[in-house]
PDB file of N, CA and C in Angstrom:
ATOM      1  N   MET A   1       1.055  -1.399  -0.224  1.00  0.00           N
ATOM      2  CA  MET A   1      -0.204  -0.340  -0.020  1.00  0.00           C
ATOM      3  C   MET A   1       0.913   1.368   0.071  1.00  0.00           C
ATOM      4  N   LYS A   2       1.796   0.933   0.681  1.00  0.00           N
ATOM      5  CA  LYS A   2       2.802   2.709   0.626  1.00  0.00           C
ATOM      6  C   LYS A   2       3.445   2.400  -0.459  1.00  0.00           C
ATOM      7  N   ASN A   3       4.001   1.597  -0.675  1.00  0.00           N
ATOM      8  CA  ASN A   3       4.733   1.421  -2.097  1.00  0.00           C
ATOM      9  C   ASN A   3       3.800   2.100  -3.438  1.00  0.00           C
ATOM     10  N   LYS A   4       2.514   2.187  -3.295  1.00  0.00           N
ATOM     11  CA  LYS A   4       1.643   2.188  -4.256  1.00  0.00           C
ATOM     12  C   LYS A   4       1.017   3.899  -4.539  1.00  0.00           C
ATOM     13  N   LYS A   5       1.075   4.650  -3.085  1.00  0.00           N
ATOM     14  CA  LYS A   5       0.881   5.900  -2.611  1.00  0.00           C
ATOM     15  C   LYS A   5       3.309   6.865  -3.345  1.00  0.00           C
ATOM     16  N   ILE A   6       3.731   5.766  -2.869  1.00  0.00           N
ATOM     17  CA  ILE A   6       4.817   6.610  -3.406  1.00  0.00           C
ATOM     18  C   ILE A   6       5.108   6.471  -4.788  1.00  0.00           C
ATOM     19  N   LYS A   7       4.387   5.455  -5.445  1.00  0.00           N
ATOM     20  CA  LYS A   7       4.824   5.622  -6.988  1.00  0.00           C
ATOM     21  C   LYS A   7       3.632   6.593  -7.526  1.00  0.00           C
ATOM     22  N   THR A   8       2.771   6.952  -7.057  1.00  0.00           N
ATOM     23  CA  THR A   8       1.451   7.823  -6.943  1.00  0.00           C
ATOM     24  C   THR A   8       2.022   9.082  -7.056  1.00  0.00           C
ATOM     25  N   ASN A   9       2.491   9.596  -5.993  1.00  0.00           N
ATOM     26  CA  ASN A   9       2.816  10.629  -5.323  1.00  0.00           C
ATOM     27  C   ASN A   9       4.512  11.170  -6.288  1.00  0.00           C
ATOM     28  N   GLN A  10       5.452   9.629  -7.160  1.00  0.00           N
ATOM     29  CA  GLN A  10       6.649  10.453  -8.115  1.00  0.00           C
ATOM     30  C   GLN A  10       5.915  10.592  -9.232  1.00  0.00           C
ATOM     31  N   LYS A  11       4.719   9.582  -9.658  1.00  0.00           N
ATOM     32  CA  LYS A  11       4.039  10.545 -10.688  1.00  0.00           C
ATOM     33  C   LYS A  11       3.521  11.912 -11.233  1.00  0.00           C
ATOM     34  N   ASN A  12       2.931  12.116  -9.987  1.00  0.00           N
ATOM     35  CA  ASN A  12       2.003  13.446  -9.742  1.00  0.00           C
ATOM     36  C   ASN A  12       3.466  14.835  -9.923  1.00  0.00           C
ATOM     37  N   GLN A  13       4.030  14.013  -9.010  1.00  0.00           N
ATOM     38  CA  GLN A  13       5.447  15.318  -9.113  1.00  0.00           C
ATOM     39  C   GLN A  13       6.182  15.320 -10.364  1.00  0.00           C
ATOM     40  N   GLN A  14       6.344  14.313 -10.963  1.00  0.00           N
ATOM     41  CA  GLN A  14       6.492  14.120 -12.837  1.00  0.00           C
ATOM     42  C   GLN A  14       5.613  15.252 -13.656  1.00  0.00           C
ATOM     43  N   THR A  15       4.917  14.847 -13.430  1.00  0.00           N
ATOM     44  CA  THR A  15       3.728  15.810 -14.158  1.00  0.00           C
ATOM     45  C   THR A  15       3.538  17.056 -14.013  1.00  0.00           C
ATOM     46  N   VAL A  16       3.827  17.571 -12.501  1.00  0.00           N
ATOM     47  CA  VAL A  16       4.190  18.536 -12.483  1.00  0.00           C
ATOM     48  C   VAL A  16       5.044  19.453 -12.614  1.00  0.00           C
ATOM     49  N   GLN A  17       6.141  18.869 -12.890  1.00  0.00           N
ATOM     50  CA  GLN A  17       7.575  19.785 -13.703  1.00  0.00           C
ATOM     51  C   GLN A  17       7.526  19.468 -14.997  1.00  0.00           C
ATOM     52  N   GLN A  18       6.728  18.534 -15.667  1.00  0.00           N
ATOM     53  CA  GLN A  18       6.773  18.922 -17.389  1.00  0.00           C
ATOM     54  C   GLN A  18       6.215  19.852 -17.425  1.00  0.00           C
ATOM     55  N   LYS A  19       4.645  19.865 -16.781  1.00  0.00           N
ATOM     56  CA  LYS A  19       4.432  21.009 -17.038  1.00  0.00           C
ATOM     57  C   LYS A  19       5.022  22.468 -17.237  1.00  0.00           C
ATOM     58  N   ILE A  20       5.676  22.396 -16.105  1.00  0.00           N
ATOM     59  CA  ILE A  20       6.562  23.599 -15.503  1.00  0.00           C
ATOM     60  C   ILE A  20       7.622  23.680 -16.640  1.00  0.00           C
ATOM     61  N   ILE A  21       8.384  22.738 -17.005  1.00  0.00           N
ATOM     62  CA  ILE A  21       8.766  22.993 -17.810  1.00  0.00           C
ATOM     63  C   ILE A  21       8.545  23.114 -19.421  1.00  0.00           C
ATOM     64  N   GLU A  22       7.159  22.636 -19.716  1.00  0.00           N
ATOM     65  CA  GLU A  22       6.410  22.805 -21.351  1.00  0.00           C
ATOM     66  C   GLU A  22       6.099  24.094 -21.234  1.00  0.00           C
ATOM     67  N   GLN A  23       5.898  24.859 -20.287  1.00  0.00           N
ATOM     68  CA  GLN A  23       5.433  26.905 -20.428  1.00  0.00           C
ATOM     69  C   GLN A  23       6.206  26.934 -21.442  1.00  0.00           C
ATOM     70  N   HIS A  24       5.654  28.216 -22.592  1.00  0.00           N
ATOM     71  CA  HIS A  24       6.494  28.792 -23.211  1.00  0.00           C
ATOM     72  C   HIS A  24       5.712  29.645 -23.870  1.00  0.00           C
ATOM     73  N   ILE A  25       6.173  30.781 -24.551  1.00  0.00           N
ATOM     74  CA  ILE A  25       5.355  31.880 -25.156  1.00  0.00           C
ATOM     75  C   ILE A  25       4.664  31.408 -26.386  1.00  0.00           C
ATOM     76  N   THR A  26       3.151  31.986 -26.365  1.00  0.00           N
ATOM     77  CA  THR A  26       2.214  31.497 -27.529  1.00  0.00           C
ATOM     78  C   THR A  26       2.807  32.246 -28.373  1.00  0.00           C
ATOM     79  N   LYS A  27       1.430  31.790 -29.540  1.00  0.00           N
ATOM     80  CA  LYS A  27       2.186  32.895 -30.847  1.00  0.00           C
ATOM     81  C   LYS A  27       1.220  33.553 -30.664  1.00  0.00           C
ATOM     82  N   THR A  28      -0.301  34.124 -29.642  1.00  0.00           N
ATOM     83  CA  THR A  28      -0.648  35.313 -29.591  1.00  0.00           C
ATOM     84  C   THR A  28       0.610  35.983 -28.593  1.00  0.00           C
ATOM     85  N   GLY A  29       1.336  35.532 -27.631  1.00  0.00           N
ATOM     86  CA  GLY A  29       2.373  36.089 -26.995  1.00  0.00           C
ATOM     87  C   GLY A  29       3.631  37.040 -28.183  1.00  0.00           C
ATOM     88  N   TRP A  30       3.868  35.993 -28.864  1.00  0.00           N
ATOM     89  CA  TRP A  30       4.903  36.457 -30.232  1.00  0.00           C
ATOM     90  C   TRP A  30       3.862  37.579 -30.690  1.00  0.00           C
ATOM     91  N   LYS A  31       2.776  37.752 -31.012  1.00  0.00           N
ATOM     92  CA  LYS A  31       2.578  38.905 -31.843  1.00  0.00           C
ATOM     93  C   LYS A  31       3.062  40.206 -30.442  1.00  0.00           C
ATOM     94  N   ILE A  32       2.173  40.339 -29.613  1.00  0.00           N
ATOM     95  CA  ILE A  32       2.304  41.326 -28.490  1.00  0.00           C
ATOM     96  C   ILE A  32       3.811  41.489 -28.358  1.00  0.00           C
ATOM     97  N   ILE A  33       4.585  40.748 -28.308  1.00  0.00           N
ATOM     98  CA  ILE A  33       5.976  41.077 -28.351  1.00  0.00           C
ATOM     99  C   ILE A  33       6.647  41.742 -29.698  1.00  0.00           C
ATOM    100  N   ILE A  34       6.557  41.440 -30.684  1.00  0.00           N
ATOM    101  CA  ILE A  34       6.559  42.112 -31.849  1.00  0.00           C
ATOM    102  C   ILE A  34       6.393  43.193 -31.725  1.00  0.00           C
ATOM    103  N   CYS A  35       4.746  43.445 -31.503  1.00  0.00           N
ATOM    104  CA  CYS A  35       4.317  44.889 -31.893  1.00  0.00           C
ATOM    105  C   CYS A  35       4.784  46.013 -31.055  1.00  0.00           C
ATOM    106  N   SER A  36       5.282  44.947 -29.215  1.00  0.00           N
ATOM    107  CA  SER A  36       5.400  46.020 -28.773  1.00  0.00           C
ATOM    108  C   SER A  36       6.872  46.644 -29.079  1.00  0.00           C
ATOM    109  N   VAL A  37       7.963  45.642 -29.639  1.00  0.00           N
ATOM    110  CA  VAL A  37       9.466  45.957 -29.998  1.00  0.00           C
ATOM    111  C   VAL A  37       9.188  47.095 -30.901  1.00  0.00           C
ATOM    112  N   VAL A  38       8.355  46.733 -31.997  1.00  0.00           N
ATOM    113  CA  VAL A  38       8.404  48.067 -33.229  1.00  0.00           C
ATOM    114  C   VAL A  38       7.823  49.286 -32.121  1.00  0.00           C
ATOM    115  N   THR A  39       6.427  48.997 -31.582  1.00  0.00           N
ATOM    116  CA  THR A  39       6.417  50.483 -31.165  1.00  0.00           C
ATOM    117  C   THR A  39       7.465  51.030 -30.191  1.00  0.00           C
ATOM    118  N   LEU A  40       8.255  50.138 -29.348  1.00  0.00           N
ATOM    119  CA  LEU A  40       9.673  50.798 -28.629  1.00  0.00           C
ATOM    120  C   LEU A  40      10.055  51.244 -29.448  1.00  0.00           C
ATOM    121  N   ALA A  41      10.658  50.820 -30.713  1.00  0.00           N
ATOM    122  CA  ALA A  41      11.496  51.488 -31.560  1.00  0.00           C
ATOM    123  C   ALA A  41      10.973  52.796 -31.938  1.00  0.00           C
ATOM    124  N   ILE A  42       9.726  52.800 -32.532  1.00  0.00           N
ATOM    125  CA  ILE A  42       9.220  54.098 -32.682  1.00  0.00           C
ATOM    126  C   ILE A  42       9.351  55.039 -31.555  1.00  0.00           C
ATOM    127  N   GLY A  43       9.225  54.705 -30.301  1.00  0.00           N
ATOM    128  CA  GLY A  43       9.107  55.749 -29.135  1.00  0.00           C
ATOM    129  C   GLY A  43      10.664  56.342 -29.103  1.00  0.00           C
ATOM    130  N   PHE A  44      11.296  55.604 -29.444  1.00  0.00           N
ATOM    131  CA  PHE A  44      13.155  55.713 -29.288  1.00  0.00           C
ATOM    132  C   PHE A  44      13.038  56.520 -30.391  1.00  0.00           C
ATOM    133  N   PHE A  45      12.837  56.596 -31.479  1.00  0.00           N
ATOM    134  CA  PHE A  45      12.587  57.527 -33.220  1.00  0.00           C
ATOM    135  C   PHE A  45      11.980  58.902 -32.506  1.00  0.00           C
ATOM    136  N   LEU A  46      11.091  58.891 -31.488  1.00  0.00           N
ATOM    137  CA  LEU A  46      10.242  60.072 -31.154  1.00  0.00           C
ATOM    138  C   LEU A  46      11.183  60.691 -30.445  1.00  0.00           C
ATOM    139  N   LEU A  47      12.269  60.287 -29.595  1.00  0.00           N
ATOM    140  CA  LEU A  47      12.862  61.067 -28.821  1.00  0.00           C
ATOM    141  C   LEU A  47      14.092  61.813 -29.488  1.00  0.00           C
ATOM    142  N   THR A  48      14.167  61.401 -30.750  1.00  0.00           N
ATOM    143  CA  THR A  48      15.181  62.523 -31.847  1.00  0.00           C
ATOM    144  C   THR A  48      14.291  63.962 -31.982  1.00  0.00           C
ATOM    145  N   PHE A  49      12.668  64.039 -31.654  1.00  0.00           N
ATOM    146  CA  PHE A  49      12.255  65.246 -31.851  1.00  0.00           C
ATOM    147  C   PHE A  49      11.897  66.522 -30.853  1.00  0.00           C
ATOM    148  N   THR A  50      12.323  65.896 -29.517  1.00  0.00           N
ATOM    149  CA  THR A  50      12.304  66.352 -28.267  1.00  0.00           C
ATOM    150  C   THR A  50      12.938  67.735 -28.122  1.00  0.00           C
ATOM    151  N   ASN A  51      12.801  68.547 -27.636  1.00  0.00           N
ATOM    152  CA  ASN A  51      13.626  69.450 -27.172  1.00  0.00           C
ATOM    153  C   ASN A  51      14.265  69.810 -25.590  1.00  0.00           C
ATOM    154  N   PRO A  52      15.277  70.090 -25.553  1.00  0.00           N
ATOM    155  CA  PRO A  52      15.929  70.173 -23.949  1.00  0.00           C
ATOM    156  C   PRO A  52      15.188  70.870 -23.428  1.00  0.00           C
ATOM    157  N   GLU A  53      13.925  71.483 -23.437  1.00  0.00           N
ATOM    158  CA  GLU A  53      12.939  72.034 -21.993  1.00  0.00           C
ATOM    159  C   GLU A  53      12.241  71.187 -21.886  1.00  0.00           C
ATOM    160  N   GLY A  54      12.444  69.908 -23.009  1.00  0.00           N
ATOM    161  CA  GLY A  54      10.618  69.246 -22.781  1.00  0.00           C
ATOM    162  C   GLY A  54       9.404  70.086 -22.978  1.00  0.00           C
ATOM    163  N   ASN A  55       8.868  70.463 -23.686  1.00  0.00           N
ATOM    164  CA  ASN A  55       7.634  71.125 -23.897  1.00  0.00           C
ATOM    165  C   ASN A  55       7.100  71.207 -25.226  1.00  0.00           C
ATOM    166  N   ASN A  56       7.849  70.267 -25.791  1.00  0.00           N
ATOM    167  CA  ASN A  56       6.954  69.624 -27.213  1.00  0.00           C
ATOM    168  C   ASN A  56       5.627  68.320 -27.104  1.00  0.00           C
ATOM    169  N   TRP A  57       5.404  68.489 -28.386  1.00  0.00           N
ATOM    170  CA  TRP A  57       4.595  66.986 -28.380  1.00  0.00           C
ATOM    171  C   TRP A  57       5.091  65.359 -28.037  1.00  0.00           C
ATOM    172  N   ALA A  58       6.685  65.714 -28.603  1.00  0.00           N
ATOM    173  CA  ALA A  58       7.443  64.379 -28.670  1.00  0.00           C
ATOM    174  C   ALA A  58       7.990  64.501 -27.006  1.00  0.00           C
ATOM    175  N   SER A  59       8.158  65.303 -26.281  1.00  0.00           N
ATOM    176  CA  SER A  59       8.697  65.262 -25.190  1.00  0.00           C
ATOM    177  C   SER A  59       7.501  64.272 -23.954  1.00  0.00           C
ATOM    178  N   VAL A  60       6.345  64.767 -24.339  1.00  0.00           N
ATOM    179  CA  VAL A  60       5.535  64.144 -23.489  1.00  0.00           C
ATOM    180  C   VAL A  60       4.979  63.080 -23.955  1.00  0.00           C
ATOM    181  N   LEU A  61       4.877  62.766 -25.762  1.00  0.00           N
ATOM    182  CA  LEU A  61       4.166  61.379 -25.757  1.00  0.00           C
ATOM    183  C   LEU A  61       5.432  60.528 -25.816  1.00  0.00           C
ATOM    184  N   SER A  62       6.725  60.776 -26.271  1.00  0.00           N
ATOM    185  CA  SER A  62       7.768  59.261 -26.329  1.00  0.00           C
ATOM    186  C   SER A  62       7.419  58.761 -25.149  1.00  0.00           C
ATOM    187  N   PRO A  63       7.927  59.437 -23.829  1.00  0.00           N
ATOM    188  CA  PRO A  63       8.147  58.371 -23.111  1.00  0.00           C
ATOM    189  C   PRO A  63       6.964  57.576 -22.648  1.00  0.00           C
ATOM    190  N   ILE A  64       5.916  58.032 -22.710  1.00  0.00           N
ATOM    191  CA  ILE A  64       4.564  57.153 -22.786  1.00  0.00           C
ATOM    192  C   ILE A  64       4.656  55.908 -23.276  1.00  0.00           C
ATOM    193  N   ILE A  65       5.053  55.976 -24.842  1.00  0.00           N
ATOM    194  CA  ILE A  65       5.214  54.776 -25.539  1.00  0.00           C
ATOM    195  C   ILE A  65       6.203  54.269 -25.275  1.00  0.00           C
ATOM    196  N   ILE A  66       7.250  54.603 -24.955  1.00  0.00           N
ATOM    197  CA  ILE A  66       8.370  53.804 -24.352  1.00  0.00           C
ATOM    198  C   ILE A  66       7.906  52.935 -22.951  1.00  0.00           C
ATOM    199  N   ILE A  67       7.357  53.017 -22.404  1.00  0.00           N
ATOM    200  CA  ILE A  67       7.131  52.433 -21.056  1.00  0.00           C
ATOM    201  C   ILE A  67       5.684  51.878 -21.103  1.00  0.00           C
ATOM    202  N   LEU A  68       4.972  52.133 -22.070  1.00  0.00           N
ATOM    203  CA  LEU A  68       3.758  51.154 -21.908  1.00  0.00           C
ATOM    204  C   LEU A  68       4.507  49.917 -23.354  1.00  0.00           C
ATOM    205  N   SER A  69       5.220  50.396 -23.825  1.00  0.00           N
ATOM    206  CA  SER A  69       6.036  49.075 -24.808  1.00  0.00           C
ATOM    207  C   SER A  69       6.583  47.895 -24.042  1.00  0.00           C
ATOM    208  N   TYR A  70       7.571  48.507 -22.986  1.00  0.00           N
ATOM    209  CA  TYR A  70       8.162  47.881 -22.194  1.00  0.00           C
ATOM    210  C   TYR A  70       6.978  46.642 -21.227  1.00  0.00           C
ATOM    211  N   ILE A  71       6.058  47.666 -20.926  1.00  0.00           N
ATOM    212  CA  ILE A  71       4.558  46.876 -19.964  1.00  0.00           C
ATOM    213  C   ILE A  71       4.110  45.717 -20.917  1.00  0.00           C
ATOM    214  N   PHE A  72       3.876  46.322 -22.199  1.00  0.00           N
ATOM    215  CA  PHE A  72       3.367  45.086 -23.031  1.00  0.00           C
ATOM    216  C   PHE A  72       4.211  43.868 -23.520  1.00  0.00           C
ATOM    217  N   ILE A  73       5.225  44.403 -23.347  1.00  0.00           N
ATOM    218  CA  ILE A  73       6.387  43.066 -24.085  1.00  0.00           C
ATOM    219  C   ILE A  73       6.334  42.230 -22.551  1.00  0.00           C
ATOM    220  N   GLY A  74       6.176  42.431 -21.710  1.00  0.00           N
ATOM    221  CA  GLY A  74       6.032  41.384 -20.420  1.00  0.00           C
ATOM    222  C   GLY A  74       4.408  41.070 -20.555  1.00  0.00           C
ATOM    223  N   VAL A  75       3.502  41.453 -20.721  1.00  0.00           N
ATOM    224  CA  VAL A  75       2.292  40.856 -21.194  1.00  0.00           C
ATOM    225  C   VAL A  75       2.497  40.369 -22.054  1.00  0.00           C
ATOM    226  N   GLY A  76       3.132  40.561 -23.024  1.00  0.00           N
ATOM    227  CA  GLY A  76       3.704  38.877 -24.266  1.00  0.00           C
ATOM    228  C   GLY A  76       4.212  37.960 -23.592  1.00  0.00           C
ATOM    229  N   ILE A  77       4.901  38.071 -22.720  1.00  0.00           N
ATOM    230  CA  ILE A  77       5.749  36.671 -21.977  1.00  0.00           C
ATOM    231  C   ILE A  77       4.805  35.991 -21.691  1.00  0.00           C
ATOM    232  N   PHE A  78       3.671  36.557 -20.525  1.00  0.00           N
ATOM    233  CA  PHE A  78       2.790  35.936 -19.692  1.00  0.00           C
ATOM    234  C   PHE A  78       1.391  35.418 -20.702  1.00  0.00           C
ATOM    235  N   ALA A  79       1.056  36.147 -21.710  1.00  0.00           N
ATOM    236  CA  ALA A  79      -0.043  35.780 -22.459  1.00  0.00           C
ATOM    237  C   ALA A  79      -0.120  34.544 -22.316  1.00  0.00           C
ATOM    238  N   LYS A  80      -1.292  34.200 -22.355  1.00  0.00           N
ATOM    239  CA  LYS A  80      -2.065  32.663 -22.735  1.00  0.00           C
ATOM    240  C   LYS A  80      -2.757  32.589 -23.942  1.00  0.00           C
TER     241      LYS A  80
END
């Protein structure tokens, strides 16, 4: 009886370990990541239009785009 429980526990542990190992980025996740990287590049390109005072449209818009791009890269990694 004890032997049977040990085998069952070992099988359960192996199943859990396989599920952990088999986690990967899905196709939807890759799409989100790729779009985010492109948007990130656009955000850094917009930084070239900022002025030293930081009071034009590019100075306001580019940091928002860059931060959101990094957030969505993380979302793409964990998307199911």
